[in-house]
Protein backbone atom coordinates (compact mmCIF):
# COMPACT_ATOMS: atom_id res chain seq x y z
CA MET A 1 -186.92 29.02 42.55
CA HIS A 2 -183.60 27.21 41.11
CA PHE A 3 -180.07 28.85 41.26
CA ILE A 4 -177.68 27.85 38.59
CA LYS A 5 -173.86 27.85 40.02
CA GLN A 6 -171.55 29.33 37.64
CA ARG A 7 -168.05 27.67 37.68
CA ILE A 8 -165.18 30.67 37.55
CA ALA A 9 -162.27 30.22 35.16
CA PHE A 10 -159.78 31.61 33.46
CA THR A 11 -160.43 32.54 29.69
CA MET A 12 -157.98 31.38 26.84
CA ILE A 13 -156.21 34.73 26.92
CA GLU A 14 -155.71 34.58 30.45
CA VAL A 15 -154.06 31.07 30.36
CA VAL A 16 -152.04 32.17 27.51
CA PHE A 17 -150.65 35.29 29.29
CA VAL A 18 -149.98 33.48 32.25
CA ILE A 19 -147.70 30.85 30.30
CA VAL A 20 -145.80 33.44 28.71
CA VAL A 21 -145.21 35.32 31.79
CA LEU A 22 -144.11 31.98 33.60
CA GLY A 23 -142.02 31.37 30.79
CA ILE A 24 -140.22 34.63 30.90
CA ILE A 25 -139.67 34.42 34.55
CA SER A 26 -138.27 30.60 34.43
CA SER A 27 -135.93 32.10 31.53
CA ILE A 28 -134.42 34.82 33.67
CA GLY A 29 -134.29 32.53 36.68
CA SER A 30 -132.16 30.04 34.50
CA THR A 31 -130.02 32.51 33.25
CA ILE A 32 -129.13 34.01 36.52
CA ILE A 33 -128.73 30.42 37.95
CA ALA A 34 -126.29 29.42 35.04
CA GLN A 35 -124.19 32.93 35.63
CA LEU A 36 -124.18 32.15 39.32
CA TYR A 37 -122.66 28.99 38.47
CA GLU A 38 -120.33 29.55 36.00
CA ASN A 39 -119.20 32.65 38.21
CA TYR A 40 -118.75 30.19 41.07
CA ILE A 41 -116.74 27.93 38.79
CA VAL A 42 -114.42 30.60 37.56
CA GLN A 43 -114.13 32.22 41.09
CA ARG A 44 -113.34 28.44 42.72
CA ALA A 45 -110.62 27.64 39.60
CA MET A 46 -109.06 31.35 40.36
CA HIS A 47 -108.63 30.89 44.19
CA ARG A 48 -107.02 27.74 44.11
CA VAL A 49 -104.82 28.38 41.26
CA SER A 50 -104.05 31.72 43.59
CA ILE A 51 -103.38 29.81 46.55
CA LYS A 52 -101.33 27.23 45.00
CA THR A 53 -99.24 29.92 43.29
CA GLU A 54 -98.81 31.92 46.63
CA LEU A 55 -97.60 28.85 48.26
CA ALA A 56 -95.17 27.67 45.96
CA VAL A 57 -93.56 30.98 45.37
CA ASN A 58 -93.23 31.68 49.21
CA GLN A 59 -91.42 28.25 49.61
CA ILE A 60 -88.86 29.49 46.94
CA VAL A 61 -88.66 32.86 48.83
CA ASN A 62 -88.17 31.23 52.41
CA ARG A 63 -85.72 29.37 51.02
CA LEU A 64 -83.64 32.04 49.26
CA ALA A 65 -83.85 34.09 52.42
CA TYR A 66 -81.04 31.95 53.88
CA ARG A 67 -78.94 31.76 50.71
CA ILE A 68 -74.90 32.41 50.86
CA ASN A 69 -74.32 35.68 49.15
CA ASN A 70 -72.98 35.28 45.26
CA THR A 71 -73.73 31.50 45.04
CA ILE A 72 -77.25 31.74 43.25
CA ILE A 73 -76.81 30.70 39.59
CA ALA A 74 -79.00 30.30 36.51
CA ARG A 75 -78.10 26.97 34.90
CA ASP A 76 -78.82 25.42 31.63
CA PRO A 77 -79.83 21.88 32.14
CA VAL A 78 -78.99 20.82 28.60
CA ALA A 79 -75.49 22.09 28.27
CA GLY A 80 -74.80 22.01 32.13
CA SER A 81 -73.26 25.49 31.74
CA TYR A 82 -74.37 28.20 34.41
CA THR A 83 -74.00 31.89 35.12
CA GLN A 84 -74.00 33.82 38.21
CA LEU A 85 -77.51 35.63 38.48
CA VAL A 86 -75.90 38.79 39.36
CA ASN A 87 -74.19 38.67 35.87
CA ILE A 88 -77.54 38.42 33.86
CA ALA A 89 -79.01 41.71 32.91
CA LEU A 90 -82.40 42.62 34.14
CA GLY A 91 -84.94 42.05 31.52
CA THR A 92 -82.84 39.51 29.65
CA THR A 93 -84.96 36.62 28.24
CA ASN A 94 -82.90 33.35 28.23
CA THR A 95 -84.79 30.30 28.21
CA ASN A 96 -81.86 27.82 28.16
CA ASN A 97 -80.83 29.03 31.84
CA ASN A 98 -84.23 28.40 33.46
CA VAL A 99 -83.11 26.18 36.45
CA LEU A 100 -82.71 28.53 39.68
CA GLU A 101 -79.70 27.17 41.79
CA TRP A 102 -78.02 28.63 45.26
CA ILE A 103 -76.38 27.06 48.26
CA GLY A 104 -78.20 27.67 51.48
CA TYR A 105 -76.48 28.04 54.91
CA ASP A 106 -77.92 26.42 58.04
CA ASN A 107 -80.25 28.38 60.06
CA ASP A 108 -81.90 25.58 61.84
CA SER A 109 -79.32 25.68 64.77
CA PHE A 110 -80.29 29.37 65.52
CA SER A 111 -83.87 28.53 65.39
CA ALA A 112 -83.44 25.89 68.11
CA GLN A 113 -84.22 26.42 72.12
CA ALA A 114 -80.45 25.39 72.70
CA ARG A 115 -77.27 27.50 72.26
CA PRO A 116 -76.51 27.22 68.53
CA GLY A 117 -73.36 24.94 67.62
CA TRP A 118 -71.59 27.48 65.44
CA SER A 119 -70.93 31.38 66.09
CA GLY A 120 -70.04 32.34 62.71
CA TYR A 121 -66.65 34.01 63.69
CA CYS A 122 -63.31 32.68 63.39
CA ASP A 123 -59.93 33.25 65.22
CA THR A 124 -58.10 33.73 61.97
CA SER A 125 -54.64 34.28 64.03
CA ALA A 126 -55.13 31.04 65.95
CA SER A 127 -56.28 29.02 63.13
CA LEU A 128 -53.20 30.04 61.04
CA LEU A 129 -50.93 29.21 63.53
CA SER A 130 -52.28 26.06 64.94
CA GLY A 131 -53.42 24.76 61.15
CA ASN A 132 -57.12 24.16 62.82
CA LEU A 133 -59.99 26.14 62.40
CA ASN A 134 -60.65 28.10 65.65
CA THR A 135 -64.01 29.17 66.03
CA PRO A 136 -64.87 30.32 69.61
CA GLY A 137 -68.24 30.10 71.11
CA SER A 138 -68.81 26.83 68.88
CA SER A 139 -69.67 23.51 69.30
CA LEU A 140 -69.39 21.95 65.77
CA THR A 141 -70.27 18.59 67.25
CA THR A 142 -73.71 20.01 68.07
CA THR A 143 -74.22 21.50 64.61
CA ALA A 144 -72.90 18.42 62.75
CA ALA A 145 -75.66 16.45 64.92
CA ILE A 146 -78.30 18.89 63.53
CA VAL A 147 -77.03 18.49 59.95
CA ASN A 148 -76.78 14.77 60.29
CA ASN A 149 -80.55 14.62 61.21
CA LEU A 150 -81.73 17.16 58.69
CA SER A 151 -79.47 14.96 55.67
CA GLY A 152 -80.41 11.75 56.98
CA GLY A 153 -76.75 11.48 57.63
CA THR A 154 -75.59 11.58 53.97
CA ALA A 155 -74.31 15.41 53.68
CA PRO A 156 -70.99 16.25 54.06
CA LEU A 157 -70.75 19.74 56.64
CA ALA A 158 -69.26 22.48 54.84
CA ILE A 159 -67.79 25.55 56.20
CA LEU A 160 -67.98 28.44 53.82
CA PHE A 161 -65.53 31.30 54.28
CA GLY A 162 -66.91 34.96 53.25
CA LEU A 163 -64.07 36.34 50.99
CA ASN A 164 -63.59 39.50 49.12
CA GLY A 165 -60.30 39.56 47.33
CA GLY A 166 -59.03 37.36 50.21
CA LEU A 167 -60.38 39.45 52.92
CA ASP A 168 -63.97 39.82 54.25
CA SER A 169 -65.72 43.27 54.95
CA PRO A 170 -66.52 43.54 58.60
CA GLY A 171 -69.52 42.07 59.73
CA ILE A 172 -70.45 41.25 56.06
CA PHE A 173 -70.44 37.73 54.54
CA GLN A 174 -69.34 38.18 50.88
CA GLY A 175 -68.62 34.65 49.37
CA VAL A 176 -67.35 36.36 46.40
CA GLY A 177 -65.84 34.08 43.77
CA CYS A 178 -66.29 30.70 45.59
CA TYR A 179 -69.36 28.71 45.40
CA GLY A 180 -68.16 25.34 44.60
CA TYR A 181 -70.34 24.77 41.70
CA ASN A 182 -67.35 24.09 39.30
CA GLY A 183 -65.05 22.38 41.91
CA ASP A 184 -63.65 25.74 43.34
CA THR A 185 -63.32 25.00 47.03
CA SER A 186 -60.62 27.23 48.36
CA CYS A 187 -63.09 29.09 50.53
CA ILE A 188 -64.81 25.55 51.23
CA HIS A 189 -63.73 23.29 54.20
CA GLN A 190 -65.48 20.11 54.06
CA VAL A 191 -65.84 17.81 57.08
CA ASN A 192 -67.33 14.56 57.28
CA ILE A 193 -69.95 14.52 59.94
CA ASN A 194 -69.56 10.66 60.47
CA ASP A 195 -66.07 10.95 61.27
CA ALA A 196 -66.34 11.33 65.17
CA THR A 197 -62.35 12.28 65.13
CA ASN A 198 -63.23 15.48 63.14
CA LEU A 199 -66.35 16.65 65.50
CA THR A 200 -64.51 18.86 67.40
CA THR A 201 -64.32 22.66 67.87
CA ASN A 202 -60.84 22.73 66.19
CA LYS A 203 -61.11 21.48 62.71
CA GLY A 204 -58.06 20.68 60.30
CA ILE A 205 -58.35 23.42 57.64
CA GLY A 206 -56.54 21.40 55.01
CA THR A 207 -53.95 22.46 52.54
CA GLY A 208 -54.68 25.50 50.03
CA THR A 209 -57.91 26.67 52.17
CA ASN A 210 -58.36 30.05 52.55
CA ILE A 211 -59.85 31.39 55.91
CA ALA A 212 -61.70 34.83 56.84
CA THR A 213 -63.26 36.10 60.14
CA HIS A 214 -66.63 35.25 59.01
CA TYR A 215 -68.04 31.76 57.87
CA LYS A 216 -71.39 30.16 57.32
CA LEU A 217 -72.10 26.29 57.64
CA ALA A 218 -73.82 24.60 54.76
CA TRP A 219 -75.17 21.37 54.31
CA THR A 220 -77.25 21.55 51.08
CA ALA A 221 -77.60 23.48 47.96
CA TYR A 222 -81.38 24.04 46.20
CA ALA A 223 -82.57 23.84 42.73
CA ILE A 224 -85.64 25.19 41.48
CA VAL A 225 -86.26 22.90 38.15
CA PRO A 226 -88.79 23.02 35.53
CA VAL A 227 -89.86 19.52 34.65
CA ALA A 228 -92.35 17.76 32.05
CA PRO A 229 -95.99 18.29 33.20
CA SER A 230 -97.39 15.08 35.12
CA ASP A 231 -100.65 15.10 33.24
CA GLY A 232 -98.76 13.88 30.06
CA THR A 233 -99.02 17.07 27.85
CA THR A 234 -95.96 18.37 25.91
CA PHE A 235 -92.97 20.17 27.79
CA SER A 236 -92.29 23.70 26.89
CA ASN A 237 -91.21 27.01 28.07
CA THR A 238 -94.96 27.60 28.83
CA ASN A 239 -96.08 24.27 30.11
CA PHE A 240 -94.36 22.57 32.73
CA ASP A 241 -94.23 21.49 36.57
CA LEU A 242 -92.04 23.00 39.04
CA GLU A 243 -89.80 20.73 41.28
CA LEU A 244 -87.61 21.43 44.22
CA ARG A 245 -84.60 19.50 44.45
CA TYR A 246 -82.29 19.47 47.60
CA ASN A 247 -80.13 17.62 49.75
CA TYR A 248 -77.17 17.57 47.44
CA GLN A 249 -73.32 19.08 47.77
CA PRO A 250 -72.02 20.68 44.85
CA TRP A 251 -68.61 21.43 46.65
CA ALA A 252 -68.42 17.38 47.14
CA GLY A 253 -69.38 16.54 43.54
CA THR A 254 -73.05 15.70 43.66
CA GLN A 255 -75.27 17.73 41.32
CA TYR A 256 -78.99 18.99 41.44
CA ASN A 257 -79.73 16.16 38.68
CA GLY A 258 -78.22 13.07 40.57
CA ASN A 259 -80.04 10.13 41.42
CA SER A 260 -79.66 10.39 45.06
CA VAL A 261 -81.17 14.05 45.05
CA ASN A 262 -84.42 14.73 47.06
CA LYS A 263 -87.19 16.02 45.10
CA SER A 264 -90.63 17.75 45.55
CA ILE A 265 -93.35 19.17 43.24
CA LEU A 266 -93.65 22.68 43.96
CA LEU A 267 -96.45 23.64 41.54
CA ARG A 268 -97.86 22.14 38.25
CA LYS A 269 -99.32 23.59 35.44
CA VAL A 270 -96.72 26.34 35.23
CA THR A 271 -96.55 28.78 32.63
CA ALA A 272 -93.63 31.18 33.51
CA PHE A 273 -90.95 30.97 36.18
CA LYS A 274 -88.65 34.22 35.86
CA PHE A 275 -86.06 35.27 38.39
CA ALA A 276 -83.55 38.22 38.42
CA GLU A 277 -81.17 39.67 40.65
CA LEU A 278 -79.99 43.21 41.42
CA GLY A 279 -77.88 44.87 44.24
CA GLY A 280 -78.37 41.62 46.30
CA THR A 281 -82.21 41.46 46.04
CA VAL A 282 -83.70 38.71 43.96
CA ARG A 283 -86.74 38.96 42.41
CA ILE A 284 -89.25 36.05 41.42
CA LYS A 285 -91.96 35.66 39.04
CA LEU A 286 -94.40 32.62 39.00
CA CYS A 287 -97.28 31.98 36.79
CA ALA A 288 -99.71 28.99 36.82
CA THR A 289 -103.06 28.28 35.24
CA GLU A 290 -106.18 26.05 36.71
CA GLN A 291 -108.76 24.27 34.52
CA ILE A 292 -112.14 25.59 34.45
CA GLY A 293 -114.73 22.54 34.74
CA ASP A 294 -114.35 19.68 32.17
CA SER A 295 -112.84 22.12 29.43
CA ALA A 296 -109.66 21.30 28.91
CA THR A 297 -109.00 24.61 26.73
CA THR A 298 -110.66 26.96 29.14
CA ASN A 299 -108.14 28.11 31.88
CA ILE A 300 -107.50 30.54 34.85
CA SER A 301 -104.08 31.92 34.84
CA VAL A 302 -102.31 33.62 37.97
CA CYS A 303 -99.16 35.40 38.28
CA LYS A 304 -97.28 36.07 41.60
CA GLU A 305 -94.53 38.10 42.01
CA LYS A 306 -91.95 38.53 45.33
CA VAL A 307 -88.71 39.97 46.02
CA VAL A 308 -86.22 38.66 48.47
CA ILE A 309 -84.04 41.31 50.09
CA ARG A 310 -80.94 40.71 51.84
């Protein structure tokens, strides 16, 4: 007896059905993979721009924390004019005064392990009688050496007195009406740190210099300046890079836009940089974008806002 072995196989209908099912599964799978990749690209761009914006605004805030009161201004880079930030009403939109500038006091000597070189207090009676600045508990030679290292030997050391109608409130450095931007140095005593004969505890006050009980030491002003984008796109109020400028001295005649000023890019592709002051509190808002993938027209935008309380 002979047996015939039958070959088992799919019918045509079954084959078509399997192909259709596999097509549906592959279509769904490819869609999921595409969505996951797209989400990854968006999240990566969001994370990158968020981190960069956070770092930039923190750098600004960290420097503003050591600003001298009432020296913070909003400057018009075209006209060269400026307005004290405290005099600009909150919510005011002024695209011309888009440079933020202030004078920062030296805090590095207080951060050192050794005793700081300056006490911040002045014996006004002894100073007025002797014609020299008498600051008990200070070694301004040490301070001048610190400033010399920070500035690369280029900055004249400034002693800024806190004034409030000629007298400062006890324990408070006011700095009212004297910030050196327009040449007003009535409360600023400048010392050439390269002049060894001046690096003593008692400094010559100089003719016409007002003194008060409290003072700060400064070696630089700071400016946050919108500049043309490095990617070659058109500069506008919603498209610019943000630059930090430092190591210049308005009280000595050097300005933020001088050739010898130190510069560093804080953030690229910035869309907004806003600032305001109320009651000694400075509010900073910074927005930036990040391109998604290869598309030049698709961007992620992130804003960070910080408040500096004094």
